[in-house]
Amino acid sequence: CTLFTPGCNFRCPFCHNASLVDGSADTFVSEAELFSFLSRRKGILDGVCITGGEPTLQKDIIPFMEKIREMGFLLKLDTNGSFPEKLIHLVESGLVDKVAVDIKNSPESYGKTVGIENYDLTPVLKTVEYLKADHVDYEFRTTVDTLCTSHISVFVTADLTVDNHNLVGRTFSVAGQDQNHCRQQYQRDNDNCY
């Protein structure tokens, strides 16, 4: 079962869940409906993945995850890694079985990629270092737009995260486009960012 939470502190121009970020998503399920669904799935589902948006922005994420855990489900958290203290608390409270962190780009390009110029990468780096110490099962992933992300950027992003774990990549490309087209498209996307 995958649960999508609304809201995000990033404004990535390539976001595939933009309707969750800007609040325009038209389908929401009440907590009562969700827990009714999960209770009917006990013994059928192994776990629940909480994703977003950015789930660690939710003020009630801890008691919410506690309820799911009490039902006997494994929990996976998908995050952008920008709230390490909350993530650490969730892990050390035994509420998370696996964490997936979206690493958006190399440090030099992070702000532009997340739609926040001069973004302070310190919280994400803290999350990366915490997870690399093997407190919980984890993976780092990135979305690579082969038009807008240089090969150097991909290798720097991988170097930032990879130790004994894999960097999981999702690659999108449009054949026949040049870098100038890419810059123009990226600028248009940033100009139209939420």
N, C-alpha and C. Protein backbone atom coordinates (compact mmCIF):
# COMPACT_ATOMS: atom_id res chain seq x y z
N CYS A 1 0.86 -1.17 0.00
CA CYS A 1 0.00 0.00 0.00
C CYS A 1 0.90 1.24 0.00
N THR A 2 0.63 2.16 -0.85
CA THR A 2 1.39 3.41 -0.92
C THR A 2 0.47 4.57 -0.58
N LEU A 3 0.89 5.38 0.37
CA LEU A 3 0.12 6.55 0.80
C LEU A 3 0.86 7.80 0.37
N PHE A 4 0.16 8.70 -0.29
CA PHE A 4 0.74 9.96 -0.73
C PHE A 4 0.27 11.08 0.18
N THR A 5 1.21 11.84 0.72
CA THR A 5 0.87 12.97 1.59
C THR A 5 1.00 14.28 0.82
N PRO A 6 0.17 15.26 1.15
CA PRO A 6 0.25 16.54 0.44
C PRO A 6 1.33 17.45 1.00
N GLY A 7 1.75 18.41 0.18
CA GLY A 7 2.70 19.42 0.60
C GLY A 7 4.14 19.01 0.39
N CYS A 8 4.96 19.98 0.06
CA CYS A 8 6.39 19.77 -0.09
C CYS A 8 7.10 21.10 0.07
N ASN A 9 8.30 21.07 0.63
CA ASN A 9 9.10 22.28 0.77
C ASN A 9 9.96 22.56 -0.46
N PHE A 10 9.99 21.64 -1.42
CA PHE A 10 10.71 21.84 -2.67
C PHE A 10 9.73 22.20 -3.77
N ARG A 11 10.24 22.75 -4.86
CA ARG A 11 9.44 23.10 -6.02
C ARG A 11 10.15 22.61 -7.29
N CYS A 12 10.45 21.33 -7.30
CA CYS A 12 11.16 20.74 -8.43
C CYS A 12 10.32 20.89 -9.70
N PRO A 13 10.87 21.45 -10.76
CA PRO A 13 10.09 21.68 -11.97
C PRO A 13 9.67 20.39 -12.67
N PHE A 14 10.30 19.26 -12.35
CA PHE A 14 9.98 17.99 -12.98
C PHE A 14 9.10 17.11 -12.09
N CYS A 15 8.59 17.64 -10.98
CA CYS A 15 7.84 16.84 -10.01
C CYS A 15 6.68 16.10 -10.66
N HIS A 16 6.61 14.78 -10.42
CA HIS A 16 5.52 13.98 -10.98
C HIS A 16 4.31 13.97 -10.04
N ASN A 17 4.42 14.59 -8.87
CA ASN A 17 3.30 14.68 -7.94
C ASN A 17 2.96 16.14 -7.65
N ALA A 18 3.05 16.98 -8.66
CA ALA A 18 2.85 18.42 -8.47
C ALA A 18 1.49 18.75 -7.86
N SER A 19 0.46 17.97 -8.17
CA SER A 19 -0.87 18.27 -7.60
C SER A 19 -0.89 18.06 -6.09
N LEU A 20 0.00 17.24 -5.57
CA LEU A 20 0.11 17.10 -4.11
C LEU A 20 0.84 18.29 -3.50
N VAL A 21 1.79 18.82 -4.24
CA VAL A 21 2.58 19.94 -3.75
C VAL A 21 1.75 21.22 -3.69
N ASP A 22 0.99 21.47 -4.73
CA ASP A 22 0.24 22.73 -4.79
C ASP A 22 -1.20 22.62 -4.27
N GLY A 23 -1.60 21.45 -3.81
CA GLY A 23 -2.92 21.28 -3.21
C GLY A 23 -4.06 21.05 -4.19
N SER A 24 -3.75 20.87 -5.47
CA SER A 24 -4.82 20.72 -6.45
C SER A 24 -5.26 19.27 -6.64
N ALA A 25 -4.66 18.34 -5.90
CA ALA A 25 -5.08 16.93 -6.00
C ALA A 25 -6.54 16.83 -5.61
N ASP A 26 -7.28 16.04 -6.37
CA ASP A 26 -8.74 15.99 -6.15
C ASP A 26 -9.20 14.76 -5.38
N THR A 27 -8.30 13.88 -5.01
CA THR A 27 -8.70 12.67 -4.30
C THR A 27 -7.95 12.56 -2.99
N PHE A 28 -8.68 12.68 -1.91
CA PHE A 28 -8.11 12.48 -0.59
C PHE A 28 -8.96 11.46 0.14
N VAL A 29 -8.33 10.68 0.97
CA VAL A 29 -9.01 9.64 1.73
C VAL A 29 -8.92 10.04 3.20
N SER A 30 -10.01 9.91 3.93
CA SER A 30 -9.98 10.24 5.35
C SER A 30 -9.15 9.21 6.10
N GLU A 31 -8.68 9.58 7.27
CA GLU A 31 -7.90 8.66 8.09
C GLU A 31 -8.75 7.44 8.46
N ALA A 32 -10.02 7.65 8.75
CA ALA A 32 -10.92 6.53 9.09
C ALA A 32 -11.02 5.55 7.93
N GLU A 33 -11.19 6.08 6.70
CA GLU A 33 -11.26 5.20 5.52
C GLU A 33 -9.96 4.43 5.32
N LEU A 34 -8.84 5.11 5.52
CA LEU A 34 -7.54 4.47 5.35
C LEU A 34 -7.37 3.32 6.34
N PHE A 35 -7.65 3.58 7.61
CA PHE A 35 -7.45 2.53 8.61
C PHE A 35 -8.45 1.39 8.45
N SER A 36 -9.61 1.68 7.94
CA SER A 36 -10.57 0.63 7.62
C SER A 36 -10.02 -0.25 6.50
N PHE A 37 -9.46 0.39 5.47
CA PHE A 37 -8.84 -0.32 4.36
C PHE A 37 -7.70 -1.21 4.87
N LEU A 38 -6.83 -0.64 5.68
CA LEU A 38 -5.68 -1.39 6.18
C LEU A 38 -6.12 -2.56 7.07
N SER A 39 -7.14 -2.36 7.87
CA SER A 39 -7.58 -3.47 8.73
C SER A 39 -8.12 -4.63 7.90
N ARG A 40 -8.74 -4.33 6.76
CA ARG A 40 -9.23 -5.39 5.87
C ARG A 40 -8.08 -6.07 5.12
N ARG A 41 -6.92 -5.44 5.09
CA ARG A 41 -5.77 -5.99 4.34
C ARG A 41 -4.74 -6.67 5.23
N LYS A 42 -5.00 -6.75 6.54
CA LYS A 42 -4.06 -7.44 7.43
C LYS A 42 -3.90 -8.88 6.94
N GLY A 43 -2.66 -9.33 6.90
CA GLY A 43 -2.38 -10.67 6.42
C GLY A 43 -2.27 -10.76 4.91
N ILE A 44 -2.66 -9.71 4.22
CA ILE A 44 -2.55 -9.67 2.76
C ILE A 44 -1.39 -8.75 2.36
N LEU A 45 -1.37 -7.57 2.94
CA LEU A 45 -0.29 -6.61 2.69
C LEU A 45 0.82 -6.80 3.71
N ASP A 46 2.04 -6.66 3.27
CA ASP A 46 3.17 -6.72 4.19
C ASP A 46 3.46 -5.36 4.81
N GLY A 47 3.33 -4.31 3.99
CA GLY A 47 3.76 -3.02 4.49
C GLY A 47 3.08 -1.86 3.81
N VAL A 48 3.45 -0.67 4.32
CA VAL A 48 2.91 0.59 3.84
C VAL A 48 4.08 1.50 3.52
N CYS A 49 4.03 2.11 2.35
CA CYS A 49 5.02 3.12 1.96
C CYS A 49 4.36 4.48 2.08
N ILE A 50 4.99 5.38 2.81
CA ILE A 50 4.48 6.74 2.96
C ILE A 50 5.38 7.65 2.14
N THR A 51 4.78 8.34 1.19
CA THR A 51 5.52 9.17 0.26
C THR A 51 4.80 10.49 0.10
N GLY A 52 5.12 11.27 -0.88
CA GLY A 52 4.48 12.57 -1.03
C GLY A 52 4.58 13.09 -2.44
N GLY A 53 4.65 14.39 -2.40
CA GLY A 53 4.96 15.42 -1.43
C GLY A 53 6.14 15.02 -0.56
N GLU A 54 6.17 15.68 0.58
CA GLU A 54 7.20 15.39 1.59
C GLU A 54 6.52 15.00 2.89
N PRO A 55 6.50 13.69 3.20
CA PRO A 55 5.76 13.21 4.37
C PRO A 55 6.23 13.77 5.71
N THR A 56 7.53 14.10 5.83
CA THR A 56 8.00 14.58 7.13
C THR A 56 7.51 15.99 7.44
N LEU A 57 6.83 16.64 6.50
CA LEU A 57 6.19 17.93 6.77
C LEU A 57 4.90 17.77 7.58
N GLN A 58 4.32 16.58 7.56
CA GLN A 58 3.04 16.35 8.23
C GLN A 58 3.24 16.42 9.74
N LYS A 59 2.49 17.29 10.41
CA LYS A 59 2.69 17.48 11.85
C LYS A 59 2.32 16.23 12.65
N ASP A 60 1.40 15.42 12.14
CA ASP A 60 0.96 14.23 12.86
C ASP A 60 1.55 12.94 12.30
N ILE A 61 2.68 13.03 11.61
CA ILE A 61 3.24 11.84 10.97
C ILE A 61 3.65 10.77 12.00
N ILE A 62 4.13 11.19 13.16
CA ILE A 62 4.59 10.22 14.16
C ILE A 62 3.42 9.40 14.70
N PRO A 63 2.35 10.01 15.24
CA PRO A 63 1.24 9.18 15.71
C PRO A 63 0.56 8.40 14.59
N PHE A 64 0.57 8.96 13.39
CA PHE A 64 0.00 8.27 12.23
C PHE A 64 0.77 6.99 11.94
N MET A 65 2.09 7.09 11.94
CA MET A 65 2.92 5.91 11.69
C MET A 65 2.84 4.91 12.85
N GLU A 66 2.70 5.41 14.06
CA GLU A 66 2.53 4.52 15.21
C GLU A 66 1.29 3.66 15.06
N LYS A 67 0.19 4.26 14.59
CA LYS A 67 -1.06 3.50 14.38
C LYS A 67 -0.87 2.41 13.33
N ILE A 68 -0.17 2.76 12.25
CA ILE A 68 0.08 1.77 11.19
C ILE A 68 0.97 0.64 11.73
N ARG A 69 1.99 1.01 12.48
CA ARG A 69 2.90 0.02 13.05
C ARG A 69 2.14 -0.91 14.01
N GLU A 70 1.25 -0.35 14.82
CA GLU A 70 0.46 -1.15 15.77
C GLU A 70 -0.42 -2.18 15.05
N MET A 71 -0.73 -1.92 13.79
CA MET A 71 -1.52 -2.86 13.00
C MET A 71 -0.66 -4.00 12.45
N GLY A 72 0.64 -3.91 12.66
CA GLY A 72 1.54 -4.98 12.25
C GLY A 72 2.18 -4.82 10.88
N PHE A 73 2.06 -3.65 10.28
CA PHE A 73 2.63 -3.42 8.96
C PHE A 73 4.07 -2.91 9.04
N LEU A 74 4.89 -3.34 8.07
CA LEU A 74 6.20 -2.74 7.88
C LEU A 74 5.98 -1.33 7.32
N LEU A 75 6.95 -0.44 7.56
CA LEU A 75 6.81 0.94 7.08
C LEU A 75 8.06 1.37 6.31
N LYS A 76 7.80 1.94 5.14
CA LYS A 76 8.86 2.54 4.32
C LYS A 76 8.52 4.02 4.19
N LEU A 77 9.53 4.86 4.30
CA LEU A 77 9.35 6.30 4.17
C LEU A 77 10.14 6.80 2.98
N ASP A 78 9.46 7.49 2.06
CA ASP A 78 10.11 8.18 0.95
C ASP A 78 10.22 9.65 1.35
N THR A 79 11.41 10.23 1.22
CA THR A 79 11.63 11.59 1.67
C THR A 79 12.65 12.31 0.80
N ASN A 80 12.63 13.64 0.86
CA ASN A 80 13.68 14.40 0.18
C ASN A 80 14.86 14.66 1.12
N GLY A 81 14.75 14.20 2.37
CA GLY A 81 15.87 14.27 3.30
C GLY A 81 16.11 15.61 3.94
N SER A 82 15.20 16.55 3.79
CA SER A 82 15.45 17.90 4.27
C SER A 82 15.07 18.14 5.73
N PHE A 83 14.54 17.11 6.40
CA PHE A 83 14.20 17.23 7.82
C PHE A 83 14.84 16.07 8.60
N PRO A 84 16.17 16.11 8.74
CA PRO A 84 16.88 14.97 9.33
C PRO A 84 16.47 14.67 10.78
N GLU A 85 16.16 15.68 11.57
CA GLU A 85 15.81 15.43 12.96
C GLU A 85 14.54 14.59 13.06
N LYS A 86 13.55 14.90 12.23
CA LYS A 86 12.32 14.12 12.26
C LYS A 86 12.59 12.70 11.74
N LEU A 87 13.37 12.58 10.69
CA LEU A 87 13.72 11.26 10.16
C LEU A 87 14.45 10.43 11.21
N ILE A 88 15.43 11.03 11.87
CA ILE A 88 16.19 10.32 12.91
C ILE A 88 15.25 9.86 14.02
N HIS A 89 14.34 10.72 14.43
CA HIS A 89 13.38 10.34 15.47
C HIS A 89 12.53 9.15 15.02
N LEU A 90 12.05 9.19 13.80
CA LEU A 90 11.23 8.08 13.28
C LEU A 90 12.02 6.77 13.27
N VAL A 91 13.26 6.83 12.82
CA VAL A 91 14.10 5.63 12.75
C VAL A 91 14.39 5.12 14.15
N GLU A 92 14.83 6.01 15.03
CA GLU A 92 15.23 5.58 16.37
C GLU A 92 14.04 5.18 17.23
N SER A 93 12.84 5.57 16.85
CA SER A 93 11.62 5.13 17.54
C SER A 93 11.15 3.77 17.01
N GLY A 94 11.84 3.25 16.01
CA GLY A 94 11.46 1.96 15.44
C GLY A 94 10.24 2.00 14.55
N LEU A 95 9.94 3.18 14.02
CA LEU A 95 8.75 3.33 13.19
C LEU A 95 9.01 3.13 11.70
N VAL A 96 10.27 3.03 11.30
CA VAL A 96 10.61 2.93 9.89
C VAL A 96 11.48 1.70 9.66
N ASP A 97 11.11 0.90 8.65
CA ASP A 97 11.89 -0.27 8.29
C ASP A 97 12.83 0.01 7.12
N LYS A 98 12.47 0.98 6.30
CA LYS A 98 13.31 1.35 5.16
C LYS A 98 13.05 2.81 4.83
N VAL A 99 14.11 3.49 4.40
CA VAL A 99 14.01 4.89 3.99
C VAL A 99 14.55 5.00 2.57
N ALA A 100 13.82 5.71 1.72
CA ALA A 100 14.29 6.04 0.37
C ALA A 100 14.40 7.56 0.30
N VAL A 101 15.60 8.04 -0.04
CA VAL A 101 15.84 9.48 -0.13
C VAL A 101 16.06 9.86 -1.58
N ASP A 102 15.33 10.84 -2.04
CA ASP A 102 15.52 11.38 -3.38
C ASP A 102 16.65 12.40 -3.33
N ILE A 103 17.76 12.07 -3.95
CA ILE A 103 18.88 13.01 -4.08
C ILE A 103 18.68 13.70 -5.42
N LYS A 104 18.47 15.00 -5.37
CA LYS A 104 18.00 15.72 -6.55
C LYS A 104 19.09 16.03 -7.58
N ASN A 105 20.31 16.28 -7.13
CA ASN A 105 21.37 16.63 -8.08
C ASN A 105 22.68 16.76 -7.30
N SER A 106 23.73 17.17 -7.99
CA SER A 106 25.00 17.43 -7.33
C SER A 106 24.84 18.67 -6.44
N PRO A 107 25.70 18.83 -5.43
CA PRO A 107 25.56 19.98 -4.53
C PRO A 107 25.52 21.33 -5.26
N GLU A 108 26.32 21.47 -6.30
CA GLU A 108 26.38 22.75 -7.02
C GLU A 108 25.07 23.08 -7.73
N SER A 109 24.30 22.07 -8.09
CA SER A 109 23.07 22.29 -8.85
C SER A 109 21.81 22.04 -8.04
N TYR A 110 21.95 21.77 -6.75
CA TYR A 110 20.80 21.37 -5.95
C TYR A 110 19.71 22.44 -5.89
N GLY A 111 20.10 23.66 -5.57
CA GLY A 111 19.11 24.74 -5.44
C GLY A 111 18.29 24.95 -6.70
N LYS A 112 18.96 24.96 -7.82
CA LYS A 112 18.24 25.14 -9.08
C LYS A 112 17.31 23.96 -9.35
N THR A 113 17.77 22.76 -9.02
CA THR A 113 16.97 21.57 -9.28
C THR A 113 15.74 21.49 -8.39
N VAL A 114 15.85 21.94 -7.14
CA VAL A 114 14.70 21.89 -6.23
C VAL A 114 13.86 23.15 -6.29
N GLY A 115 14.24 24.08 -7.17
CA GLY A 115 13.45 25.30 -7.34
C GLY A 115 13.65 26.33 -6.25
N ILE A 116 14.76 26.22 -5.51
CA ILE A 116 15.07 27.17 -4.43
C ILE A 116 16.53 27.57 -4.59
N GLU A 117 16.77 28.70 -5.23
CA GLU A 117 18.15 29.16 -5.42
C GLU A 117 18.82 29.29 -4.06
N ASN A 118 20.10 28.98 -4.00
CA ASN A 118 20.91 29.06 -2.79
C ASN A 118 20.38 28.15 -1.67
N TYR A 119 19.77 27.03 -2.03
CA TYR A 119 19.28 26.10 -1.02
C TYR A 119 20.44 25.60 -0.16
N ASP A 120 20.25 25.62 1.15
CA ASP A 120 21.26 25.12 2.09
C ASP A 120 21.14 23.60 2.14
N LEU A 121 22.12 22.92 1.62
CA LEU A 121 22.12 21.46 1.50
C LEU A 121 22.44 20.75 2.82
N THR A 122 22.77 21.49 3.85
CA THR A 122 23.19 20.90 5.13
C THR A 122 22.21 19.84 5.65
N PRO A 123 20.89 20.09 5.69
CA PRO A 123 19.99 19.06 6.20
C PRO A 123 20.01 17.77 5.38
N VAL A 124 20.07 17.87 4.07
CA VAL A 124 20.11 16.69 3.22
C VAL A 124 21.41 15.92 3.47
N LEU A 125 22.52 16.62 3.59
CA LEU A 125 23.80 15.97 3.86
C LEU A 125 23.79 15.27 5.22
N LYS A 126 23.12 15.87 6.19
CA LYS A 126 22.99 15.23 7.51
C LYS A 126 22.19 13.94 7.39
N THR A 127 21.12 13.97 6.61
CA THR A 127 20.32 12.76 6.38
C THR A 127 21.16 11.68 5.71
N VAL A 128 21.90 12.06 4.68
CA VAL A 128 22.74 11.10 3.95
C VAL A 128 23.75 10.46 4.90
N GLU A 129 24.44 11.26 5.68
CA GLU A 129 25.46 10.71 6.59
C GLU A 129 24.83 9.81 7.65
N TYR A 130 23.68 10.19 8.17
CA TYR A 130 23.00 9.36 9.16
C TYR A 130 22.65 8.00 8.57
N LEU A 131 22.07 8.00 7.38
CA LEU A 131 21.66 6.74 6.77
C LEU A 131 22.86 5.88 6.38
N LYS A 132 23.93 6.50 5.93
CA LYS A 132 25.12 5.74 5.54
C LYS A 132 25.76 5.03 6.74
N ALA A 133 25.37 5.43 7.95
CA ALA A 133 25.88 4.76 9.16
C ALA A 133 25.06 3.50 9.47
N ASP A 134 24.15 3.13 8.58
CA ASP A 134 23.39 1.88 8.66
C ASP A 134 22.48 1.74 9.88
N HIS A 135 21.77 2.82 10.20
CA HIS A 135 20.79 2.75 11.29
C HIS A 135 19.51 2.04 10.85
N VAL A 136 19.29 2.01 9.55
CA VAL A 136 18.08 1.41 8.98
C VAL A 136 18.38 1.07 7.52
N ASP A 137 17.62 0.16 6.96
CA ASP A 137 17.76 -0.14 5.53
C ASP A 137 17.40 1.11 4.74
N TYR A 138 18.15 1.39 3.69
CA TYR A 138 17.89 2.62 2.94
C TYR A 138 18.32 2.48 1.49
N GLU A 139 17.85 3.44 0.70
CA GLU A 139 18.33 3.60 -0.67
C GLU A 139 18.31 5.07 -1.00
N PHE A 140 19.23 5.47 -1.86
CA PHE A 140 19.23 6.82 -2.42
C PHE A 140 18.81 6.68 -3.86
N ARG A 141 17.98 7.59 -4.32
CA ARG A 141 17.56 7.55 -5.71
C ARG A 141 17.63 8.94 -6.29
N THR A 142 17.67 8.98 -7.60
CA THR A 142 17.69 10.27 -8.27
C THR A 142 16.95 10.15 -9.59
N THR A 143 16.41 11.26 -10.02
CA THR A 143 15.79 11.34 -11.34
C THR A 143 16.78 12.07 -12.23
N VAL A 144 17.16 11.43 -13.31
CA VAL A 144 18.13 12.02 -14.21
C VAL A 144 17.44 12.40 -15.50
N ASP A 145 17.41 13.67 -15.79
CA ASP A 145 16.92 14.15 -17.08
C ASP A 145 18.16 14.29 -17.93
N THR A 146 18.33 13.42 -18.89
CA THR A 146 19.57 13.38 -19.66
C THR A 146 19.79 14.65 -20.47
N LEU A 147 18.78 15.46 -20.63
CA LEU A 147 18.97 16.73 -21.32
C LEU A 147 19.45 17.83 -20.39
N CYS A 148 18.99 17.79 -19.14
CA CYS A 148 19.25 18.90 -18.22
C CYS A 148 20.28 18.57 -17.15
N THR A 149 20.73 17.35 -17.08
CA THR A 149 21.70 16.95 -16.07
C THR A 149 22.95 16.47 -16.79
N SER A 150 24.06 17.09 -16.46
CA SER A 150 25.30 16.70 -17.13
C SER A 150 25.79 15.36 -16.59
N HIS A 151 26.65 14.71 -17.36
CA HIS A 151 27.25 13.45 -16.90
C HIS A 151 28.05 13.68 -15.62
N ILE A 152 28.73 14.82 -15.54
CA ILE A 152 29.51 15.13 -14.35
C ILE A 152 28.58 15.24 -13.15
N SER A 153 27.44 15.90 -13.32
CA SER A 153 26.48 16.05 -12.23
C SER A 153 25.99 14.70 -11.72
N VAL A 154 25.74 13.77 -12.63
CA VAL A 154 25.28 12.44 -12.24
C VAL A 154 26.35 11.74 -11.41
N PHE A 155 27.60 11.82 -11.84
CA PHE A 155 28.66 11.15 -11.09
C PHE A 155 28.88 11.80 -9.73
N VAL A 156 28.78 13.12 -9.65
CA VAL A 156 28.93 13.80 -8.36
C VAL A 156 27.78 13.44 -7.44
N THR A 157 26.58 13.34 -7.98
CA THR A 157 25.42 12.94 -7.19
C THR A 157 25.63 11.53 -6.65
N ALA A 158 26.07 10.63 -7.49
CA ALA A 158 26.32 9.26 -7.05
C ALA A 158 27.42 9.22 -6.01
N ASP A 159 28.47 9.99 -6.19
CA ASP A 159 29.57 10.01 -5.23
C ASP A 159 29.11 10.53 -3.87
N LEU A 160 28.15 11.44 -3.87
CA LEU A 160 27.61 12.01 -2.64
C LEU A 160 26.96 10.93 -1.77
N THR A 161 26.38 9.93 -2.39
CA THR A 161 25.54 9.00 -1.66
C THR A 161 26.03 7.57 -1.60
N VAL A 162 26.69 7.10 -2.60
CA VAL A 162 26.94 5.67 -2.71
C VAL A 162 28.08 5.24 -1.80
N ASP A 163 27.80 4.23 -1.01
CA ASP A 163 28.79 3.57 -0.18
C ASP A 163 28.66 2.10 -0.51
N ASN A 164 27.94 1.38 0.31
CA ASN A 164 27.68 -0.03 0.05
C ASN A 164 26.28 -0.22 -0.52
N HIS A 165 25.62 0.86 -0.82
CA HIS A 165 24.24 0.78 -1.32
C HIS A 165 24.17 1.35 -2.73
N ASN A 166 23.15 0.98 -3.43
CA ASN A 166 22.99 1.44 -4.81
C ASN A 166 22.28 2.76 -4.89
N LEU A 167 22.66 3.54 -5.85
CA LEU A 167 21.92 4.73 -6.21
C LEU A 167 20.95 4.28 -7.30
N VAL A 168 19.67 4.41 -7.03
CA VAL A 168 18.65 3.97 -7.97
C VAL A 168 18.29 5.16 -8.85
N GLY A 169 18.43 5.01 -10.15
CA GLY A 169 18.17 6.13 -11.05
C GLY A 169 16.97 5.91 -11.93
N ARG A 170 16.24 6.97 -12.16
CA ARG A 170 15.15 6.97 -13.13
C ARG A 170 15.57 7.94 -14.21
N THR A 171 15.67 7.51 -15.43
CA THR A 171 16.20 8.34 -16.50
C THR A 171 15.11 8.68 -17.52
N PHE A 172 15.05 9.94 -17.87
CA PHE A 172 14.12 10.40 -18.88
C PHE A 172 14.91 11.15 -19.93
N SER A 173 14.59 10.94 -21.18
CA SER A 173 15.31 11.66 -22.22
C SER A 173 14.40 11.93 -23.40
N VAL A 174 14.78 12.95 -24.14
CA VAL A 174 14.09 13.28 -25.38
C VAL A 174 15.16 13.34 -26.45
N ALA A 175 15.10 12.44 -27.40
CA ALA A 175 16.13 12.36 -28.43
C ALA A 175 16.14 13.60 -29.31
N GLY A 176 17.33 13.98 -29.73
CA GLY A 176 17.47 15.04 -30.73
C GLY A 176 17.42 16.46 -30.19
N GLN A 177 17.42 16.66 -28.89
CA GLN A 177 17.37 18.00 -28.33
C GLN A 177 18.77 18.41 -27.88
N ASP A 178 19.10 19.68 -28.03
CA ASP A 178 20.42 20.13 -27.63
C ASP A 178 20.38 20.80 -26.25
N GLN A 179 21.56 21.16 -25.73
CA GLN A 179 21.63 21.76 -24.40
C GLN A 179 20.95 23.12 -24.35
N ASN A 180 21.00 23.88 -25.43
CA ASN A 180 20.35 25.18 -25.44
C ASN A 180 18.84 25.00 -25.27
N HIS A 181 18.26 24.02 -25.97
CA HIS A 181 16.83 23.72 -25.80
C HIS A 181 16.55 23.34 -24.35
N CYS A 182 17.45 22.55 -23.79
CA CYS A 182 17.29 22.12 -22.41
C CYS A 182 17.25 23.32 -21.48
N ARG A 183 18.20 24.25 -21.64
CA ARG A 183 18.23 25.43 -20.78
C ARG A 183 16.96 26.25 -20.92
N GLN A 184 16.49 26.42 -22.17
CA GLN A 184 15.26 27.17 -22.40
C GLN A 184 14.07 26.50 -21.72
N GLN A 185 13.95 25.17 -21.87
CA GLN A 185 12.85 24.44 -21.26
C GLN A 185 12.94 24.52 -19.74
N TYR A 186 14.15 24.36 -19.20
CA TYR A 186 14.33 24.40 -17.75
C TYR A 186 13.95 25.78 -17.22
N GLN A 187 14.34 26.84 -17.94
CA GLN A 187 13.99 28.19 -17.52
C GLN A 187 12.48 28.39 -17.55
N ARG A 188 11.82 27.89 -18.62
CA ARG A 188 10.35 27.97 -18.69
C ARG A 188 9.72 27.25 -17.51
N ASP A 189 10.23 26.05 -17.20
CA ASP A 189 9.68 25.28 -16.09
C ASP A 189 9.87 26.03 -14.77
N ASN A 190 11.05 26.64 -14.59
CA ASN A 190 11.30 27.39 -13.35
C ASN A 190 10.43 28.62 -13.29
N ASP A 191 10.22 29.29 -14.41
CA ASP A 191 9.37 30.46 -14.43
C ASP A 191 7.93 30.11 -14.07
N ASN A 192 7.52 28.90 -14.43
CA ASN A 192 6.15 28.46 -14.17
C ASN A 192 6.03 27.64 -12.90
N CYS A 193 7.09 27.61 -12.12
CA CYS A 193 7.09 26.78 -10.91
C CYS A 193 6.06 27.34 -9.92
N TYR A 194 5.43 26.44 -9.22
CA TYR A 194 4.31 26.74 -8.32
C TYR A 194 4.52 27.99 -7.53
